[in-house]
């Protein structure tokens, strides 16, 4: 997901998206552990998206206060 798309979302929307991505990350980790994961690059991409979302949430919360 592009950073510009994420910047347009509110903190509530970002929090909901963060929950989704964390579930995806868990699913990918379990698939890797059981040997069912085809593309291991998905794990890295999901982790980076989670980091982007957390950074934006932090920026927006600090900017609001």
PDB file of N, CA and C in Angstrom:
ATOM      1  N   UNK A   1       0.845  -1.168   0.000  1.00  0.00           N
ATOM      2  CA  UNK A   1       0.000   0.000   0.000  1.00  0.00           C
ATOM      3  C   UNK A   1       0.896   1.239   0.000  1.00  0.00           C
ATOM      4  N   UNK A   2       0.545   2.195  -0.811  1.00  0.00           N
ATOM      5  CA  UNK A   2       1.335   3.419  -0.937  1.00  0.00           C
ATOM      6  C   UNK A   2       1.105   4.331   0.269  1.00  0.00           C
ATOM      7  N   UNK A   3       2.137   5.063   0.634  1.00  0.00           N
ATOM      8  CA  UNK A   3       2.067   5.948   1.784  1.00  0.00           C
ATOM      9  C   UNK A   3       1.072   7.079   1.559  1.00  0.00           C
ATOM     10  N   UNK A   4       0.943   7.535   0.315  1.00  0.00           N
ATOM     11  CA  UNK A   4      -0.017   8.614   0.032  1.00  0.00           C
ATOM     12  C   UNK A   4      -1.446   8.156   0.263  1.00  0.00           C
ATOM     13  N   UNK A   5      -1.741   6.911  -0.052  1.00  0.00           N
ATOM     14  CA  UNK A   5      -3.078   6.374   0.198  1.00  0.00           C
ATOM     15  C   UNK A   5      -3.349   6.309   1.693  1.00  0.00           C
ATOM     16  N   UNK A   6      -2.325   5.949   2.464  1.00  0.00           N
ATOM     17  CA  UNK A   6      -2.496   5.832   3.908  1.00  0.00           C
ATOM     18  C   UNK A   6      -2.639   7.195   4.577  1.00  0.00           C
ATOM     19  N   UNK A   7      -1.952   8.195   4.065  1.00  0.00           N
ATOM     20  CA  UNK A   7      -2.025   9.533   4.660  1.00  0.00           C
ATOM     21  C   UNK A   7      -3.420  10.139   4.570  1.00  0.00           C
ATOM     22  N   UNK A   8      -4.206   9.721   3.591  1.00  0.00           N
ATOM     23  CA  UNK A   8      -5.549  10.253   3.415  1.00  0.00           C
ATOM     24  C   UNK A   8      -6.550   9.684   4.427  1.00  0.00           C
ATOM     25  N   UNK A   9      -6.187   8.609   5.105  1.00  0.00           N
ATOM     26  CA  UNK A   9      -7.107   7.949   6.029  1.00  0.00           C
ATOM     27  C   UNK A   9      -7.025   8.570   7.417  1.00  0.00           C
ATOM     28  N   UNK A  10      -8.111   8.424   8.164  1.00  0.00           N
ATOM     29  CA  UNK A  10      -8.145   8.930   9.541  1.00  0.00           C
ATOM     30  C   UNK A  10      -7.477   7.916  10.475  1.00  0.00           C
ATOM     31  N   UNK A  11      -7.300   8.323  11.718  1.00  0.00           N
ATOM     32  CA  UNK A  11      -6.661   7.448  12.700  1.00  0.00           C
ATOM     33  C   UNK A  11      -7.509   6.198  12.924  1.00  0.00           C
ATOM     34  N   UNK A  12      -8.826   6.351  12.954  1.00  0.00           N
ATOM     35  CA  UNK A  12      -9.710   5.203  13.154  1.00  0.00           C
ATOM     36  C   UNK A  12      -9.600   4.211  12.001  1.00  0.00           C
ATOM     37  N   UNK A  13      -9.552   4.735  10.787  1.00  0.00           N
ATOM     38  CA  UNK A  13      -9.412   3.865   9.618  1.00  0.00           C
ATOM     39  C   UNK A  13      -8.050   3.175   9.620  1.00  0.00           C
ATOM     40  N   UNK A  14      -7.014   3.897  10.022  1.00  0.00           N
ATOM     41  CA  UNK A  14      -5.678   3.309  10.084  1.00  0.00           C
ATOM     42  C   UNK A  14      -5.604   2.215  11.149  1.00  0.00           C
ATOM     43  N   UNK A  15      -6.283   2.442  12.265  1.00  0.00           N
ATOM     44  CA  UNK A  15      -6.290   1.435  13.325  1.00  0.00           C
ATOM     45  C   UNK A  15      -6.990   0.172  12.857  1.00  0.00           C
ATOM     46  N   UNK A  16      -8.087   0.316  12.146  1.00  0.00           N
ATOM     47  CA  UNK A  16      -8.792  -0.853  11.614  1.00  0.00           C
ATOM     48  C   UNK A  16      -7.929  -1.580  10.591  1.00  0.00           C
ATOM     49  N   UNK A  17      -7.239  -0.830   9.754  1.00  0.00           N
ATOM     50  CA  UNK A  17      -6.354  -1.419   8.754  1.00  0.00           C
ATOM     51  C   UNK A  17      -5.181  -2.115   9.425  1.00  0.00           C
ATOM     52  N   UNK A  18      -4.684  -1.538  10.511  1.00  0.00           N
ATOM     53  CA  UNK A  18      -3.585  -2.148  11.263  1.00  0.00           C
ATOM     54  C   UNK A  18      -4.009  -3.505  11.812  1.00  0.00           C
ATOM     55  N   UNK A  19      -5.215  -3.589  12.350  1.00  0.00           N
ATOM     56  CA  UNK A  19      -5.722  -4.863  12.857  1.00  0.00           C
ATOM     57  C   UNK A  19      -5.780  -5.908  11.754  1.00  0.00           C
ATOM     58  N   UNK A  20      -6.249  -5.505  10.579  1.00  0.00           N
ATOM     59  CA  UNK A  20      -6.322  -6.423   9.440  1.00  0.00           C
ATOM     60  C   UNK A  20      -4.939  -6.931   9.054  1.00  0.00           C
ATOM     61  N   UNK A  21      -3.986  -6.017   8.974  1.00  0.00           N
ATOM     62  CA  UNK A  21      -2.634  -6.380   8.547  1.00  0.00           C
ATOM     63  C   UNK A  21      -1.943  -7.263   9.580  1.00  0.00           C
ATOM     64  N   UNK A  22      -2.236  -7.055  10.859  1.00  0.00           N
ATOM     65  CA  UNK A  22      -1.645  -7.907  11.889  1.00  0.00           C
ATOM     66  C   UNK A  22      -2.202  -9.321  11.804  1.00  0.00           C
ATOM     67  N   UNK A  23      -3.483  -9.445  11.468  1.00  0.00           N
ATOM     68  CA  UNK A  23      -4.067 -10.762  11.257  1.00  0.00           C
ATOM     69  C   UNK A  23      -3.434 -11.422  10.033  1.00  0.00           C
ATOM     70  N   UNK A  24      -3.228 -10.635   8.977  1.00  0.00           N
ATOM     71  CA  UNK A  24      -2.562 -11.158   7.780  1.00  0.00           C
ATOM     72  C   UNK A  24      -1.150 -11.637   8.102  1.00  0.00           C
ATOM     73  N   UNK A  25      -0.428 -10.865   8.902  1.00  0.00           N
ATOM     74  CA  UNK A  25       0.936 -11.242   9.270  1.00  0.00           C
ATOM     75  C   UNK A  25       0.934 -12.560  10.053  1.00  0.00           C
ATOM     76  N   UNK A  26      -0.014 -12.710  10.958  1.00  0.00           N
ATOM     77  CA  UNK A  26      -0.115 -13.949  11.718  1.00  0.00           C
ATOM     78  C   UNK A  26      -0.413 -15.124  10.790  1.00  0.00           C
ATOM     79  N   UNK A  27      -1.342 -14.910   9.863  1.00  0.00           N
ATOM     80  CA  UNK A  27      -1.697 -15.966   8.914  1.00  0.00           C
ATOM     81  C   UNK A  27      -0.491 -16.371   8.072  1.00  0.00           C
ATOM     82  N   UNK A  28       0.282 -15.385   7.635  1.00  0.00           N
ATOM     83  CA  UNK A  28       1.471 -15.671   6.837  1.00  0.00           C
ATOM     84  C   UNK A  28       2.530 -16.416   7.640  1.00  0.00           C
ATOM     85  N   UNK A  29       2.700 -16.029   8.913  1.00  0.00           N
ATOM     86  CA  UNK A  29       3.669 -16.738   9.764  1.00  0.00           C
ATOM     87  C   UNK A  29       3.275 -18.191   9.965  1.00  0.00           C
ATOM     88  N   UNK A  30       1.984 -18.424  10.158  1.00  0.00           N
ATOM     89  CA  UNK A  30       1.521 -19.801  10.342  1.00  0.00           C
ATOM     90  C   UNK A  30       1.664 -20.612   9.052  1.00  0.00           C
ATOM     91  N   UNK A  31       1.402 -19.979   7.928  1.00  0.00           N
ATOM     92  CA  UNK A  31       1.566 -20.666   6.650  1.00  0.00           C
ATOM     93  C   UNK A  31       3.034 -21.018   6.412  1.00  0.00           C
ATOM     94  N   UNK A  32       3.929 -20.134   6.805  1.00  0.00           N
ATOM     95  CA  UNK A  32       5.354 -20.408   6.650  1.00  0.00           C
ATOM     96  C   UNK A  32       5.781 -21.566   7.554  1.00  0.00           C
ATOM     97  N   UNK A  33       5.271 -21.562   8.776  1.00  0.00           N
ATOM     98  CA  UNK A  33       5.645 -22.605   9.737  1.00  0.00           C
ATOM     99  C   UNK A  33       5.165 -23.981   9.295  1.00  0.00           C
ATOM    100  N   UNK A  34       4.037 -24.025   8.617  1.00  0.00           N
ATOM    101  CA  UNK A  34       3.510 -25.311   8.173  1.00  0.00           C
ATOM    102  C   UNK A  34       3.972 -25.681   6.771  1.00  0.00           C
ATOM    103  N   UNK A  35       4.767 -24.811   6.156  1.00  0.00           N
ATOM    104  CA  UNK A  35       5.297 -25.107   4.835  1.00  0.00           C
ATOM    105  C   UNK A  35       4.331 -24.861   3.697  1.00  0.00           C
ATOM    106  N   UNK A  36       3.295 -24.090   3.926  1.00  0.00           N
ATOM    107  CA  UNK A  36       2.285 -23.838   2.914  1.00  0.00           C
ATOM    108  C   UNK A  36       2.442 -22.487   2.227  1.00  0.00           C
ATOM    109  N   UNK A  37       3.436 -21.712   2.654  1.00  0.00           N
ATOM    110  CA  UNK A  37       3.610 -20.367   2.105  1.00  0.00           C
ATOM    111  C   UNK A  37       4.445 -20.439   0.828  1.00  0.00           C
ATOM    112  N   UNK A  38       3.881 -19.895  -0.244  1.00  0.00           N
ATOM    113  CA  UNK A  38       4.588 -19.910  -1.514  1.00  0.00           C
ATOM    114  C   UNK A  38       5.560 -18.759  -1.659  1.00  0.00           C
ATOM    115  N   UNK A  39       5.088 -17.541  -1.418  1.00  0.00           N
ATOM    116  CA  UNK A  39       5.920 -16.354  -1.592  1.00  0.00           C
ATOM    117  C   UNK A  39       6.312 -15.755  -0.262  1.00  0.00           C
ATOM    118  N   UNK A  40       7.554 -15.961   0.142  1.00  0.00           N
ATOM    119  CA  UNK A  40       7.977 -15.445   1.442  1.00  0.00           C
ATOM    120  C   UNK A  40       8.120 -13.925   1.435  1.00  0.00           C
ATOM    121  N   UNK A  41       8.129 -13.314   0.264  1.00  0.00           N
ATOM    122  CA  UNK A  41       8.228 -11.857   0.195  1.00  0.00           C
ATOM    123  C   UNK A  41       6.991 -11.176   0.765  1.00  0.00           C
ATOM    124  N   UNK A  42       5.894 -11.899   0.841  1.00  0.00           N
ATOM    125  CA  UNK A  42       4.658 -11.332   1.404  1.00  0.00           C
ATOM    126  C   UNK A  42       4.824 -10.981   2.875  1.00  0.00           C
ATOM    127  N   UNK A  43       5.617 -11.763   3.592  1.00  0.00           N
ATOM    128  CA  UNK A  43       5.833 -11.498   5.016  1.00  0.00           C
ATOM    129  C   UNK A  43       6.529 -10.150   5.193  1.00  0.00           C
ATOM    130  N   UNK A  44       7.568  -9.918   4.413  1.00  0.00           N
ATOM    131  CA  UNK A  44       8.321  -8.668   4.510  1.00  0.00           C
ATOM    132  C   UNK A  44       7.457  -7.477   4.124  1.00  0.00           C
ATOM    133  N   UNK A  45       6.683  -7.620   3.076  1.00  0.00           N
ATOM    134  CA  UNK A  45       5.820  -6.529   2.624  1.00  0.00           C
ATOM    135  C   UNK A  45       4.763  -6.200   3.680  1.00  0.00           C
ATOM    136  N   UNK A  46       4.209  -7.217   4.313  1.00  0.00           N
ATOM    137  CA  UNK A  46       3.195  -6.999   5.341  1.00  0.00           C
ATOM    138  C   UNK A  46       3.806  -6.309   6.557  1.00  0.00           C
ATOM    139  N   UNK A  47       5.005  -6.741   6.954  1.00  0.00           N
ATOM    140  CA  UNK A  47       5.676  -6.107   8.089  1.00  0.00           C
ATOM    141  C   UNK A  47       5.962  -4.634   7.812  1.00  0.00           C
ATOM    142  N   UNK A  48       6.363  -4.326   6.599  1.00  0.00           N
ATOM    143  CA  UNK A  48       6.647  -2.932   6.252  1.00  0.00           C
ATOM    144  C   UNK A  48       5.376  -2.095   6.227  1.00  0.00           C
ATOM    145  N   UNK A  49       4.281  -2.675   5.751  1.00  0.00           N
ATOM    146  CA  UNK A  49       3.005  -1.959   5.747  1.00  0.00           C
ATOM    147  C   UNK A  49       2.556  -1.675   7.177  1.00  0.00           C
ATOM    148  N   UNK A  50       2.729  -2.644   8.063  1.00  0.00           N
ATOM    149  CA  UNK A  50       2.380  -2.445   9.471  1.00  0.00           C
ATOM    150  C   UNK A  50       3.208  -1.302  10.051  1.00  0.00           C
ATOM    151  N   UNK A  51       4.488  -1.257   9.738  1.00  0.00           N
ATOM    152  CA  UNK A  51       5.355  -0.194  10.241  1.00  0.00           C
ATOM    153  C   UNK A  51       4.916   1.175   9.711  1.00  0.00           C
ATOM    154  N   UNK A  52       4.540   1.230   8.432  1.00  0.00           N
ATOM    155  CA  UNK A  52       4.066   2.493   7.857  1.00  0.00           C
ATOM    156  C   UNK A  52       2.810   2.973   8.569  1.00  0.00           C
ATOM    157  N   UNK A  53       1.885   2.053   8.802  1.00  0.00           N
ATOM    158  CA  UNK A  53       0.620   2.409   9.448  1.00  0.00           C
ATOM    159  C   UNK A  53       0.871   2.900  10.870  1.00  0.00           C
ATOM    160  N   UNK A  54       1.726   2.191  11.616  1.00  0.00           N
ATOM    161  CA  UNK A  54       2.026   2.605  12.988  1.00  0.00           C
ATOM    162  C   UNK A  54       2.685   3.979  13.015  1.00  0.00           C
ATOM    163  N   UNK A  55       3.569   4.236  12.064  1.00  0.00           N
ATOM    164  CA  UNK A  55       4.235   5.534  11.989  1.00  0.00           C
ATOM    165  C   UNK A  55       3.232   6.640  11.732  1.00  0.00           C
ATOM    166  N   UNK A  56       2.319   6.420  10.796  1.00  0.00           N
ATOM    167  CA  UNK A  56       1.313   7.442  10.489  1.00  0.00           C
ATOM    168  C   UNK A  56       0.366   7.681  11.660  1.00  0.00           C
ATOM    169  N   UNK A  57      -0.022   6.617  12.345  1.00  0.00           N
ATOM    170  CA  UNK A  57      -0.891   6.783  13.520  1.00  0.00           C
ATOM    171  C   UNK A  57      -0.181   7.645  14.556  1.00  0.00           C
ATOM    172  N   UNK A  58       1.092   7.357  14.789  1.00  0.00           N
ATOM    173  CA  UNK A  58       1.876   8.121  15.755  1.00  0.00           C
ATOM    174  C   UNK A  58       2.005   9.576  15.327  1.00  0.00           C
ATOM    175  N   UNK A  59       2.274   9.829  14.051  1.00  0.00           N
ATOM    176  CA  UNK A  59       2.391  11.192  13.549  1.00  0.00           C
ATOM    177  C   UNK A  59       1.092  11.961  13.731  1.00  0.00           C
ATOM    178  N   UNK A  60      -0.017  11.315  13.386  1.00  0.00           N
ATOM    179  CA  UNK A  60      -1.310  11.988  13.476  1.00  0.00           C
ATOM    180  C   UNK A  60      -1.684  12.268  14.928  1.00  0.00           C
ATOM    181  N   UNK A  61      -1.373  11.344  15.831  1.00  0.00           N
ATOM    182  CA  UNK A  61      -1.701  11.564  17.232  1.00  0.00           C
ATOM    183  C   UNK A  61      -0.833  12.664  17.829  1.00  0.00           C
ATOM    184  N   UNK A  62       0.420  12.716  17.464  1.00  0.00           N
ATOM    185  CA  UNK A  62       1.295  13.774  17.973  1.00  0.00           C
ATOM    186  C   UNK A  62       0.935  15.129  17.384  1.00  0.00           C
ATOM    187  N   UNK A  63       0.492  15.129  16.140  1.00  0.00           N
ATOM    188  CA  UNK A  63       0.102  16.384  15.512  1.00  0.00           C
ATOM    189  C   UNK A  63      -1.188  16.940  16.081  1.00  0.00           C
ATOM    190  N   UNK A  64      -2.054  16.055  16.544  1.00  0.00           N
ATOM    191  CA  UNK A  64      -3.341  16.492  17.090  1.00  0.00           C
ATOM    192  C   UNK A  64      -3.187  17.068  18.495  1.00  0.00           C
ATOM    193  N   UNK A  65      -2.171  16.626  19.226  1.00  0.00           N
ATOM    194  CA  UNK A  65      -2.043  17.124  20.604  1.00  0.00           C
ATOM    195  C   UNK A  65      -1.056  18.235  20.750  1.00  0.00           C
TER     196      UNK A  65
END
